[in-house]
C-alpha atoms as a PDB file:
ATOM      1  CA  UNK A   1       0.101   0.230   0.136  1.00  0.00           C
ATOM      2  CA  UNK A   2       2.805   2.482   0.697  1.00  0.00           C
ATOM      3  CA  UNK A   3       4.340   1.660  -2.806  1.00  0.00           C
ATOM      4  CA  UNK A   4       0.967   2.514  -4.374  1.00  0.00           C
ATOM      5  CA  UNK A   5       0.559   5.847  -2.392  1.00  0.00           C
ATOM      6  CA  UNK A   6       3.888   6.923  -3.723  1.00  0.00           C
ATOM      7  CA  UNK A   7       2.733   6.089  -7.168  1.00  0.00           C
ATOM      8  CA  UNK A   8      -0.330   7.919  -6.957  1.00  0.00           C
ATOM      9  CA  UNK A   9       1.294  10.727  -5.091  1.00  0.00           C
ATOM     10  CA  UNK A  10       3.887  10.921  -8.220  1.00  0.00           C
ATOM     11  CA  UNK A  11       1.001  10.368 -10.994  1.00  0.00           C
ATOM     12  CA  UNK A  12      -0.725  13.825  -9.160  1.00  0.00           C
ATOM     13  CA  UNK A  13       2.485  15.520  -9.257  1.00  0.00           C
ATOM     14  CA  UNK A  14       3.290  15.084 -12.480  1.00  0.00           C
ATOM     15  CA  UNK A  15      -0.335  15.857 -13.857  1.00  0.00           C
ATOM     16  CA  UNK A  16      -0.028  19.462 -11.801  1.00  0.00           C
ATOM     17  CA  UNK A  17       3.212  20.350 -13.445  1.00  0.00           C
ATOM     18  CA  UNK A  18       1.822  19.015 -17.029  1.00  0.00           C
ATOM     19  CA  UNK A  19      -0.754  21.479 -16.284  1.00  0.00           C
ATOM     20  CA  UNK A  20       1.009  24.215 -15.640  1.00  0.00           C
ATOM     21  CA  UNK A  21       3.262  23.895 -19.068  1.00  0.00           C
ATOM     22  CA  UNK A  22      -0.246  23.801 -21.090  1.00  0.00           C
ATOM     23  CA  UNK A  23      -0.408  26.556 -23.628  1.00  0.00           C
ATOM     24  CA  UNK A  24      -2.457  29.308 -22.704  1.00  0.00           C
ATOM     25  CA  UNK A  25      -4.818  29.302 -25.804  1.00  0.00           C
ATOM     26  CA  UNK A  26      -5.935  25.792 -24.637  1.00  0.00           C
ATOM     27  CA  UNK A  27      -7.998  27.054 -21.578  1.00  0.00           C
ATOM     28  CA  UNK A  28     -11.172  28.481 -21.728  1.00  0.00           C
ATOM     29  CA  UNK A  29     -11.589  32.143 -21.417  1.00  0.00           C
ATOM     30  CA  UNK A  30     -13.472  32.908 -17.923  1.00  0.00           C
ATOM     31  CA  UNK A  31     -15.510  35.285 -19.724  1.00  0.00           C
ATOM     32  CA  UNK A  32     -16.234  35.596 -23.590  1.00  0.00           C
ATOM     33  CA  UNK A  33     -15.609  38.630 -25.064  1.00  0.00           C
ATOM     34  CA  UNK A  34     -18.375  41.257 -25.511  1.00  0.00           C
ATOM     35  CA  UNK A  35     -18.316  42.199 -29.604  1.00  0.00           C
ATOM     36  CA  UNK A  36     -20.912  44.418 -31.268  1.00  0.00           C
ATOM     37  CA  UNK A  37     -20.689  45.182 -35.012  1.00  0.00           C
ATOM     38  CA  UNK A  38     -23.334  46.629 -37.511  1.00  0.00           C
ATOM     39  CA  UNK A  39     -24.748  44.129 -39.614  1.00  0.00           C
ATOM     40  CA  UNK A  40     -25.396  40.607 -39.503  1.00  0.00           C
ATOM     41  CA  UNK A  41     -22.688  39.067 -42.054  1.00  0.00           C
ATOM     42  CA  UNK A  42     -19.957  40.837 -39.552  1.00  0.00           C
ATOM     43  CA  UNK A  43     -21.238  38.731 -36.845  1.00  0.00           C
ATOM     44  CA  UNK A  44     -20.941  35.424 -39.107  1.00  0.00           C
ATOM     45  CA  UNK A  45     -17.060  36.757 -40.215  1.00  0.00           C
ATOM     46  CA  UNK A  46     -16.416  37.445 -35.721  1.00  0.00           C
ATOM     47  CA  UNK A  47     -18.091  34.135 -34.789  1.00  0.00           C
ATOM     48  CA  UNK A  48     -15.716  32.245 -37.735  1.00  0.00           C
ATOM     49  CA  UNK A  49     -12.682  33.932 -36.159  1.00  0.00           C
ATOM     50  CA  UNK A  50     -13.682  33.867 -32.675  1.00  0.00           C
ATOM     51  CA  UNK A  51     -15.537  30.435 -32.284  1.00  0.00           C
ATOM     52  CA  UNK A  52     -16.489  30.053 -28.531  1.00  0.00           C
ATOM     53  CA  UNK A  53     -14.330  33.213 -27.048  1.00  0.00           C
ATOM     54  CA  UNK A  54     -16.673  35.678 -28.342  1.00  0.00           C
ATOM     55  CA  UNK A  55     -20.101  36.642 -27.515  1.00  0.00           C
ATOM     56  CA  UNK A  56     -21.286  38.993 -30.718  1.00  0.00           C
ATOM     57  CA  UNK A  57     -24.306  41.292 -30.746  1.00  0.00           C
ATOM     58  CA  UNK A  58     -25.721  42.738 -34.084  1.00  0.00           C
ATOM     59  CA  UNK A  59     -27.405  46.365 -34.004  1.00  0.00           C
ATOM     60  CA  UNK A  60     -28.818  46.201 -37.533  1.00  0.00           C
ATOM     61  CA  UNK A  61     -31.325  42.716 -37.133  1.00  0.00           C
ATOM     62  CA  UNK A  62     -32.627  40.683 -39.769  1.00  0.00           C
ATOM     63  CA  UNK A  63     -35.387  42.967 -42.101  1.00  0.00           C
ATOM     64  CA  UNK A  64     -33.906  45.918 -40.786  1.00  0.00           C
ATOM     65  CA  UNK A  65     -32.122  48.660 -43.143  1.00  0.00           C
ATOM     66  CA  UNK A  66     -28.918  50.450 -42.183  1.00  0.00           C
ATOM     67  CA  UNK A  67     -30.318  53.741 -43.792  1.00  0.00           C
ATOM     68  CA  UNK A  68     -33.395  53.891 -41.041  1.00  0.00           C
ATOM     69  CA  UNK A  69     -31.255  51.953 -38.119  1.00  0.00           C
ATOM     70  CA  UNK A  70     -31.795  53.377 -34.634  1.00  0.00           C
ATOM     71  CA  UNK A  71     -30.248  51.296 -31.526  1.00  0.00           C
ATOM     72  CA  UNK A  72     -32.835  50.723 -28.810  1.00  0.00           C
ATOM     73  CA  UNK A  73     -32.356  50.475 -25.330  1.00  0.00           C
ATOM     74  CA  UNK A  74     -31.303  47.042 -24.982  1.00  0.00           C
ATOM     75  CA  UNK A  75     -28.943  47.300 -27.546  1.00  0.00           C
ATOM     76  CA  UNK A  76     -27.422  50.462 -25.701  1.00  0.00           C
ATOM     77  CA  UNK A  77     -27.203  48.692 -22.535  1.00  0.00           C
ATOM     78  CA  UNK A  78     -24.743  45.993 -24.065  1.00  0.00           C
ATOM     79  CA  UNK A  79     -23.145  48.781 -26.013  1.00  0.00           C
ATOM     80  CA  UNK A  80     -22.148  49.461 -22.715  1.00  0.00           C
ATOM     81  CA  UNK A  81     -20.692  46.182 -21.695  1.00  0.00           C
ATOM     82  CA  UNK A  82     -18.604  45.638 -25.080  1.00  0.00           C
ATOM     83  CA  UNK A  83     -15.245  45.699 -25.527  1.00  0.00           C
ATOM     84  CA  UNK A  84     -14.877  46.197 -29.331  1.00  0.00           C
ATOM     85  CA  UNK A  85     -17.162  47.290 -32.197  1.00  0.00           C
ATOM     86  CA  UNK A  86     -16.299  46.607 -35.316  1.00  0.00           C
ATOM     87  CA  UNK A  87     -17.422  49.180 -37.637  1.00  0.00           C
ATOM     88  CA  UNK A  88     -18.156  49.027 -41.758  1.00  0.00           C
ATOM     89  CA  UNK A  89     -18.860  52.024 -42.821  1.00  0.00           C
ATOM     90  CA  UNK A  90     -22.955  51.583 -43.202  1.00  0.00           C
ATOM     91  CA  UNK A  91     -25.432  54.405 -43.190  1.00  0.00           C
ATOM     92  CA  UNK A  92     -26.299  55.173 -39.866  1.00  0.00           C
ATOM     93  CA  UNK A  93     -22.577  54.912 -38.139  1.00  0.00           C
ATOM     94  CA  UNK A  94     -21.589  58.116 -39.506  1.00  0.00           C
ATOM     95  CA  UNK A  95     -23.987  60.047 -36.596  1.00  0.00           C
ATOM     96  CA  UNK A  96     -23.957  56.934 -34.777  1.00  0.00           C
ATOM     97  CA  UNK A  97     -20.216  56.612 -33.503  1.00  0.00           C
ATOM     98  CA  UNK A  98     -19.691  59.935 -33.018  1.00  0.00           C
ATOM     99  CA  UNK A  99     -21.774  59.655 -29.938  1.00  0.00           C
ATOM    100  CA  UNK A 100     -20.691  56.975 -28.487  1.00  0.00           C
ATOM    101  CA  UNK A 101     -16.937  57.821 -29.149  1.00  0.00           C
ATOM    102  CA  UNK A 102     -17.994  60.408 -26.411  1.00  0.00           C
ATOM    103  CA  UNK A 103     -20.541  58.249 -24.397  1.00  0.00           C
ATOM    104  CA  UNK A 104     -18.014  55.342 -24.271  1.00  0.00           C
ATOM    105  CA  UNK A 105     -14.291  56.555 -24.184  1.00  0.00           C
ATOM    106  CA  UNK A 106     -12.924  52.953 -23.144  1.00  0.00           C
ATOM    107  CA  UNK A 107     -14.988  51.176 -25.871  1.00  0.00           C
ATOM    108  CA  UNK A 108     -12.273  50.301 -28.729  1.00  0.00           C
ATOM    109  CA  UNK A 109     -13.896  51.162 -32.170  1.00  0.00           C
ATOM    110  CA  UNK A 110     -12.212  49.371 -35.143  1.00  0.00           C
ATOM    111  CA  UNK A 111     -12.895  50.177 -38.752  1.00  0.00           C
ATOM    112  CA  UNK A 112     -12.893  47.226 -40.797  1.00  0.00           C
ATOM    113  CA  UNK A 113     -12.435  49.295 -44.037  1.00  0.00           C
ATOM    114  CA  UNK A 114      -8.694  49.988 -43.275  1.00  0.00           C
ATOM    115  CA  UNK A 115      -6.371  48.836 -46.518  1.00  0.00           C
ATOM    116  CA  UNK A 116      -9.798  48.619 -48.749  1.00  0.00           C
ATOM    117  CA  UNK A 117      -9.623  51.158 -51.862  1.00  0.00           C
ATOM    118  CA  UNK A 118     -13.564  51.746 -51.429  1.00  0.00           C
ATOM    119  CA  UNK A 119     -15.578  52.211 -54.516  1.00  0.00           C
ATOM    120  CA  UNK A 120     -17.966  55.111 -55.233  1.00  0.00           C
ATOM    121  CA  UNK A 121     -21.701  54.189 -55.060  1.00  0.00           C
ATOM    122  CA  UNK A 122     -22.420  52.917 -59.055  1.00  0.00           C
ATOM    123  CA  UNK A 123     -25.515  51.658 -60.953  1.00  0.00           C
ATOM    124  CA  UNK A 124     -27.268  55.114 -62.004  1.00  0.00           C
ATOM    125  CA  UNK A 125     -27.363  55.720 -65.646  1.00  0.00           C
ATOM    126  CA  UNK A 126     -27.578  59.311 -64.947  1.00  0.00           C
ATOM    127  CA  UNK A 127     -24.362  61.634 -63.446  1.00  0.00           C
ATOM    128  CA  UNK A 128     -27.261  63.354 -61.143  1.00  0.00           C
ATOM    129  CA  UNK A 129     -28.031  60.639 -59.096  1.00  0.00           C
ATOM    130  CA  UNK A 130     -25.666  60.706 -56.531  1.00  0.00           C
ATOM    131  CA  UNK A 131     -25.808  61.733 -53.011  1.00  0.00           C
ATOM    132  CA  UNK A 132     -22.834  63.512 -51.569  1.00  0.00           C
ATOM    133  CA  UNK A 133     -23.174  61.784 -48.404  1.00  0.00           C
ATOM    134  CA  UNK A 134     -23.562  58.459 -49.891  1.00  0.00           C
ATOM    135  CA  UNK A 135     -20.281  58.871 -52.375  1.00  0.00           C
ATOM    136  CA  UNK A 136     -18.201  55.779 -51.050  1.00  0.00           C
ATOM    137  CA  UNK A 137     -20.159  52.215 -51.551  1.00  0.00           C
ATOM    138  CA  UNK A 138     -20.343  50.557 -47.859  1.00  0.00           C
ATOM    139  CA  UNK A 139     -20.649  47.244 -49.277  1.00  0.00           C
ATOM    140  CA  UNK A 140     -17.506  45.870 -48.899  1.00  0.00           C
ATOM    141  CA  UNK A 141     -18.746  42.071 -47.496  1.00  0.00           C
ATOM    142  CA  UNK A 142     -20.125  41.374 -51.018  1.00  0.00           C
ATOM    143  CA  UNK A 143     -16.462  40.676 -52.265  1.00  0.00           C
ATOM    144  CA  UNK A 144     -15.066  37.068 -50.656  1.00  0.00           C
ATOM    145  CA  UNK A 145     -11.506  38.559 -51.369  1.00  0.00           C
ATOM    146  CA  UNK A 146     -12.245  41.683 -49.325  1.00  0.00           C
ATOM    147  CA  UNK A 147     -13.609  40.284 -46.528  1.00  0.00           C
ATOM    148  CA  UNK A 148     -10.470  38.518 -45.831  1.00  0.00           C
ATOM    149  CA  UNK A 149      -8.861  41.663 -45.538  1.00  0.00           C
ATOM    150  CA  UNK A 150     -11.727  42.325 -43.021  1.00  0.00           C
ATOM    151  CA  UNK A 151     -11.264  38.970 -41.114  1.00  0.00           C
ATOM    152  CA  UNK A 152      -7.479  39.796 -40.997  1.00  0.00           C
ATOM    153  CA  UNK A 153      -8.142  43.264 -38.871  1.00  0.00           C
ATOM    154  CA  UNK A 154     -11.153  40.856 -36.596  1.00  0.00           C
ATOM    155  CA  UNK A 155      -8.038  38.368 -35.818  1.00  0.00           C
ATOM    156  CA  UNK A 156      -5.683  40.727 -34.982  1.00  0.00           C
ATOM    157  CA  UNK A 157      -7.996  42.632 -33.018  1.00  0.00           C
ATOM    158  CA  UNK A 158      -8.967  39.673 -31.122  1.00  0.00           C
ATOM    159  CA  UNK A 159      -5.372  38.496 -30.046  1.00  0.00           C
ATOM    160  CA  UNK A 160      -4.560  42.031 -28.848  1.00  0.00           C
ATOM    161  CA  UNK A 161      -7.470  41.683 -26.169  1.00  0.00           C
ATOM    162  CA  UNK A 162      -7.534  38.127 -25.736  1.00  0.00           C
ATOM    163  CA  UNK A 163      -3.760  36.774 -26.445  1.00  0.00           C
ATOM    164  CA  UNK A 164      -4.162  33.372 -24.771  1.00  0.00           C
ATOM    165  CA  UNK A 165      -6.807  32.528 -27.786  1.00  0.00           C
ATOM    166  CA  UNK A 166      -3.964  33.869 -30.328  1.00  0.00           C
ATOM    167  CA  UNK A 167      -3.559  29.858 -31.538  1.00  0.00           C
ATOM    168  CA  UNK A 168      -7.489  29.646 -31.636  1.00  0.00           C
ATOM    169  CA  UNK A 169      -7.901  32.856 -33.924  1.00  0.00           C
ATOM    170  CA  UNK A 170      -4.894  32.051 -36.243  1.00  0.00           C
ATOM    171  CA  UNK A 171      -6.139  28.646 -36.819  1.00  0.00           C
ATOM    172  CA  UNK A 172      -9.980  29.727 -37.504  1.00  0.00           C
ATOM    173  CA  UNK A 173      -8.755  32.914 -39.379  1.00  0.00           C
ATOM    174  CA  UNK A 174      -6.463  30.531 -41.449  1.00  0.00           C
ATOM    175  CA  UNK A 175      -9.404  27.943 -42.257  1.00  0.00           C
ATOM    176  CA  UNK A 176     -11.979  31.172 -43.311  1.00  0.00           C
ATOM    177  CA  UNK A 177      -9.586  32.539 -45.717  1.00  0.00           C
ATOM    178  CA  UNK A 178      -9.544  29.284 -47.067  1.00  0.00           C
ATOM    179  CA  UNK A 179     -12.893  28.972 -47.510  1.00  0.00           C
ATOM    180  CA  UNK A 180     -13.173  32.742 -48.665  1.00  0.00           C
ATOM    181  CA  UNK A 181     -10.750  31.635 -51.717  1.00  0.00           C
ATOM    182  CA  UNK A 182     -13.067  28.135 -52.826  1.00  0.00           C
ATOM    183  CA  UNK A 183     -15.856  30.456 -52.219  1.00  0.00           C
ATOM    184  CA  UNK A 184     -14.753  33.238 -54.889  1.00  0.00           C
ATOM    185  CA  UNK A 185     -13.337  30.618 -57.162  1.00  0.00           C
ATOM    186  CA  UNK A 186     -17.019  28.568 -57.557  1.00  0.00           C
ATOM    187  CA  UNK A 187     -18.449  31.895 -57.765  1.00  0.00           C
ATOM    188  CA  UNK A 188     -15.679  33.351 -60.691  1.00  0.00           C
ATOM    189  CA  UNK A 189     -16.709  29.893 -62.438  1.00  0.00           C
ATOM    190  CA  UNK A 190     -20.406  30.147 -62.135  1.00  0.00           C
ATOM    191  CA  UNK A 191     -20.633  33.625 -62.972  1.00  0.00           C
ATOM    192  CA  UNK A 192     -18.139  33.744 -66.041  1.00  0.00           C
ATOM    193  CA  UNK A 193     -20.448  32.991 -68.804  1.00  0.00           C
ATOM    194  CA  UNK A 194     -21.937  35.934 -67.708  1.00  0.00           C
ATOM    195  CA  UNK A 195     -19.271  38.886 -67.686  1.00  0.00           C
ATOM    196  CA  UNK A 196     -20.570  42.037 -69.004  1.00  0.00           C
ATOM    197  CA  UNK A 197     -23.860  41.675 -68.227  1.00  0.00           C
ATOM    198  CA  UNK A 198     -26.452  43.819 -66.678  1.00  0.00           C
ATOM    199  CA  UNK A 199     -28.608  43.299 -63.857  1.00  0.00           C
ATOM    200  CA  UNK A 200     -31.044  45.576 -62.564  1.00  0.00           C
ATOM    201  CA  UNK A 201     -31.321  46.147 -58.426  1.00  0.00           C
ATOM    202  CA  UNK A 202     -33.605  48.254 -56.471  1.00  0.00           C
ATOM    203  CA  UNK A 203     -30.591  49.745 -53.999  1.00  0.00           C
ATOM    204  CA  UNK A 204     -27.261  49.656 -55.437  1.00  0.00           C
ATOM    205  CA  UNK A 205     -25.466  47.239 -53.075  1.00  0.00           C
ATOM    206  CA  UNK A 206     -23.599  44.941 -55.665  1.00  0.00           C
ATOM    207  CA  UNK A 207     -21.504  46.956 -56.673  1.00  0.00           C
ATOM    208  CA  UNK A 208     -18.272  45.386 -55.255  1.00  0.00           C
ATOM    209  CA  UNK A 209     -19.772  42.020 -56.114  1.00  0.00           C
ATOM    210  CA  UNK A 210     -20.471  43.149 -59.743  1.00  0.00           C
ATOM    211  CA  UNK A 211     -17.075  44.362 -59.740  1.00  0.00           C
ATOM    212  CA  UNK A 212     -15.610  41.192 -58.936  1.00  0.00           C
ATOM    213  CA  UNK A 213     -17.242  39.036 -61.424  1.00  0.00           C
ATOM    214  CA  UNK A 214     -17.363  41.404 -63.976  1.00  0.00           C
ATOM    215  CA  UNK A 215     -20.898  42.075 -64.051  1.00  0.00           C
ATOM    216  CA  UNK A 216     -22.975  45.896 -63.958  1.00  0.00           C
ATOM    217  CA  UNK A 217     -25.524  46.781 -61.566  1.00  0.00           C
ATOM    218  CA  UNK A 218     -28.243  49.230 -62.861  1.00  0.00           C
ATOM    219  CA  UNK A 219     -29.955  50.522 -59.584  1.00  0.00           C
ATOM    220  CA  UNK A 220     -33.591  52.495 -59.499  1.00  0.00           C
ATOM    221  CA  UNK A 221     -32.796  54.392 -56.101  1.00  0.00           C
ATOM    222  CA  UNK A 222     -29.732  55.751 -54.483  1.00  0.00           C
ATOM    223  CA  UNK A 223     -28.673  56.982 -50.509  1.00  0.00           C
ATOM    224  CA  UNK A 224     -32.654  55.664 -49.283  1.00  0.00           C
ATOM    225  CA  UNK A 225     -34.397  58.440 -51.989  1.00  0.00           C
ATOM    226  CA  UNK A 226     -36.880  57.153 -53.969  1.00  0.00           C
ATOM    227  CA  UNK A 227     -36.174  57.337 -58.081  1.00  0.00           C
ATOM    228  CA  UNK A 228     -38.018  60.354 -59.778  1.00  0.00           C
ATOM    229  CA  UNK A 229     -40.414  60.019 -62.602  1.00  0.00           C
ATOM    230  CA  UNK A 230     -37.853  61.172 -65.200  1.00  0.00           C
ATOM    231  CA  UNK A 231     -35.322  58.747 -63.934  1.00  0.00           C
ATOM    232  CA  UNK A 232     -38.047  55.782 -63.906  1.00  0.00           C
ATOM    233  CA  UNK A 233     -38.851  56.173 -67.597  1.00  0.00           C
ATOM    234  CA  UNK A 234     -34.877  56.191 -68.035  1.00  0.00           C
ATOM    235  CA  UNK A 235     -34.633  53.005 -66.384  1.00  0.00           C
ATOM    236  CA  UNK A 236     -37.791  51.115 -68.230  1.00  0.00           C
ATOM    237  CA  UNK A 237     -36.367  52.626 -71.261  1.00  0.00           C
ATOM    238  CA  UNK A 238     -32.946  50.726 -70.611  1.00  0.00           C
ATOM    239  CA  UNK A 239     -34.356  47.335 -69.470  1.00  0.00           C
ATOM    240  CA  UNK A 240     -36.446  47.409 -72.422  1.00  0.00           C
ATOM    241  CA  UNK A 241     -33.393  47.767 -74.754  1.00  0.00           C
ATOM    242  CA  UNK A 242     -31.435  45.135 -72.650  1.00  0.00           C
ATOM    243  CA  UNK A 243     -33.747  43.022 -72.512  1.00  0.00           C
ATOM    244  CA  UNK A 244     -34.394  42.894 -68.645  1.00  0.00           C
ATOM    245  CA  UNK A 245     -36.899  40.470 -67.228  1.00  0.00           C
ATOM    246  CA  UNK A 246     -36.077  40.502 -63.507  1.00  0.00           C
ATOM    247  CA  UNK A 247     -35.839  43.265 -60.892  1.00  0.00           C
ATOM    248  CA  UNK A 248     -33.514  42.503 -57.635  1.00  0.00           C
ATOM    249  CA  UNK A 249     -35.114  43.987 -54.460  1.00  0.00           C
ATOM    250  CA  UNK A 250     -33.611  44.092 -51.119  1.00  0.00           C
ATOM    251  CA  UNK A 251     -36.076  42.608 -48.501  1.00  0.00           C
ATOM    252  CA  UNK A 252     -34.986  45.967 -45.954  1.00  0.00           C
ATOM    253  CA  UNK A 253     -36.799  48.512 -49.068  1.00  0.00           C
ATOM    254  CA  UNK A 254     -40.108  48.839 -50.217  1.00  0.00           C
ATOM    255  CA  UNK A 255     -41.141  47.244 -53.683  1.00  0.00           C
ATOM    256  CA  UNK A 256     -43.306  50.066 -55.117  1.00  0.00           C
ATOM    257  CA  UNK A 257     -41.268  51.462 -57.260  1.00  0.00           C
ATOM    258  CA  UNK A 258     -39.214  48.175 -58.263  1.00  0.00           C
ATOM    259  CA  UNK A 259     -42.800  46.404 -59.037  1.00  0.00           C
ATOM    260  CA  UNK A 260     -43.862  50.207 -61.417  1.00  0.00           C
ATOM    261  CA  UNK A 261     -40.426  49.247 -63.527  1.00  0.00           C
ATOM    262  CA  UNK A 262     -41.330  45.260 -63.513  1.00  0.00           C
ATOM    263  CA  UNK A 263     -44.867  45.697 -64.628  1.00  0.00           C
ATOM    264  CA  UNK A 264     -43.709  48.348 -67.171  1.00  0.00           C
ATOM    265  CA  UNK A 265     -41.341  45.976 -68.972  1.00  0.00           C
ATOM    266  CA  UNK A 266     -43.565  42.688 -68.209  1.00  0.00           C
ATOM    267  CA  UNK A 267     -40.743  41.524 -65.731  1.00  0.00           C
ATOM    268  CA  UNK A 268     -40.728  40.419 -62.536  1.00  0.00           C
ATOM    269  CA  UNK A 269     -39.501  41.701 -58.864  1.00  0.00           C
ATOM    270  CA  UNK A 270     -37.091  39.002 -56.837  1.00  0.00           C
ATOM    271  CA  UNK A 271     -36.120  39.476 -53.417  1.00  0.00           C
ATOM    272  CA  UNK A 272     -31.955  39.796 -52.656  1.00  0.00           C
ATOM    273  CA  UNK A 273     -30.675  40.315 -49.439  1.00  0.00           C
ATOM    274  CA  UNK A 274     -27.167  41.270 -48.982  1.00  0.00           C
ATOM    275  CA  UNK A 275     -27.538  41.285 -45.610  1.00  0.00           C
ATOM    276  CA  UNK A 276     -28.354  37.763 -44.584  1.00  0.00           C
ATOM    277  CA  UNK A 277     -26.054  36.064 -41.782  1.00  0.00           C
ATOM    278  CA  UNK A 278     -25.110  33.123 -43.455  1.00  0.00           C
ATOM    279  CA  UNK A 279     -22.420  34.411 -45.574  1.00  0.00           C
ATOM    280  CA  UNK A 280     -21.326  31.369 -47.779  1.00  0.00           C
ATOM    281  CA  UNK A 281     -24.959  29.997 -48.275  1.00  0.00           C
ATOM    282  CA  UNK A 282     -26.415  33.921 -49.080  1.00  0.00           C
ATOM    283  CA  UNK A 283     -23.079  34.665 -51.505  1.00  0.00           C
ATOM    284  CA  UNK A 284     -23.787  30.935 -53.384  1.00  0.00           C
ATOM    285  CA  UNK A 285     -27.730  32.276 -53.706  1.00  0.00           C
ATOM    286  CA  UNK A 286     -27.089  35.573 -55.249  1.00  0.00           C
ATOM    287  CA  UNK A 287     -24.818  33.817 -57.576  1.00  0.00           C
ATOM    288  CA  UNK A 288     -27.567  31.415 -58.910  1.00  0.00           C
ATOM    289  CA  UNK A 289     -30.400  34.250 -58.925  1.00  0.00           C
ATOM    290  CA  UNK A 290     -28.599  36.426 -60.902  1.00  0.00           C
ATOM    291  CA  UNK A 291     -27.149  33.239 -63.496  1.00  0.00           C
ATOM    292  CA  UNK A 292     -31.394  32.530 -63.687  1.00  0.00           C
ATOM    293  CA  UNK A 293     -31.912  36.258 -64.373  1.00  0.00           C
ATOM    294  CA  UNK A 294     -29.384  36.772 -66.875  1.00  0.00           C
ATOM    295  CA  UNK A 295     -29.352  33.750 -68.705  1.00  0.00           C
ATOM    296  CA  UNK A 296     -29.497  34.693 -72.289  1.00  0.00           C
ATOM    297  CA  UNK A 297     -27.860  37.302 -75.095  1.00  0.00           C
ATOM    298  CA  UNK A 298     -25.461  39.577 -73.666  1.00  0.00           C
ATOM    299  CA  UNK A 299     -27.365  42.766 -72.244  1.00  0.00           C
END
């Protein structure tokens, strides 16, 4: 028995010694990092990289528009608890962020547009339809290769906030980027026969997507403003000329103007959501919808 006790004591000593030398990243955090993001696709990105070490709160919920969003009291309370807020450049941030910078000086605000060459809003055939306040297109998540740049910023920020999770963050980032490369390759192959074609949208959210895959978006409105009668007439004429039969509308916007155009061209209105949470499934769905709509002679 004394011999067994010595062996047991030795085993316990060795186990304790080994536990002291385990990498810090193996240990689960005592509390998840509270993270805030503006839109649902960002939550997908943060969770892919942060795994179970992050808890993500999304400000603009499903069905809401970044153009008309206002925070709820509950969200403001969650904001006060957050350690980091990843901004992406959507409309409401321009007035919202200066307010929280003053009221929440300890909140880390990270701009995930860093290093990305932002494009101007495109989609109108008339030059006088640009809203000065909306010149730069914020929809950078609709190009998988630009998402890789955003993901690196997210990964680097999480490592700064939680060095113990570095190994996990690096591993998840590498896997996520590989998935983004694979998605881009699939979309490039699927949309290659459509290069040079135009598609009609209600709101010009798909500029980066269009550029990535050699397409052109033509928009009914910009800056959240309804189109003028003159602009609607121009769109209808262009749609007829190009043989357009499908007009894409985001669920967050009214379908009224889009349906006016669709009736005039004997076409249909189809929902296309750039703000859906499941990024890979949604991007694949967008490509499939465009394939179906643009099949036929070049526009």
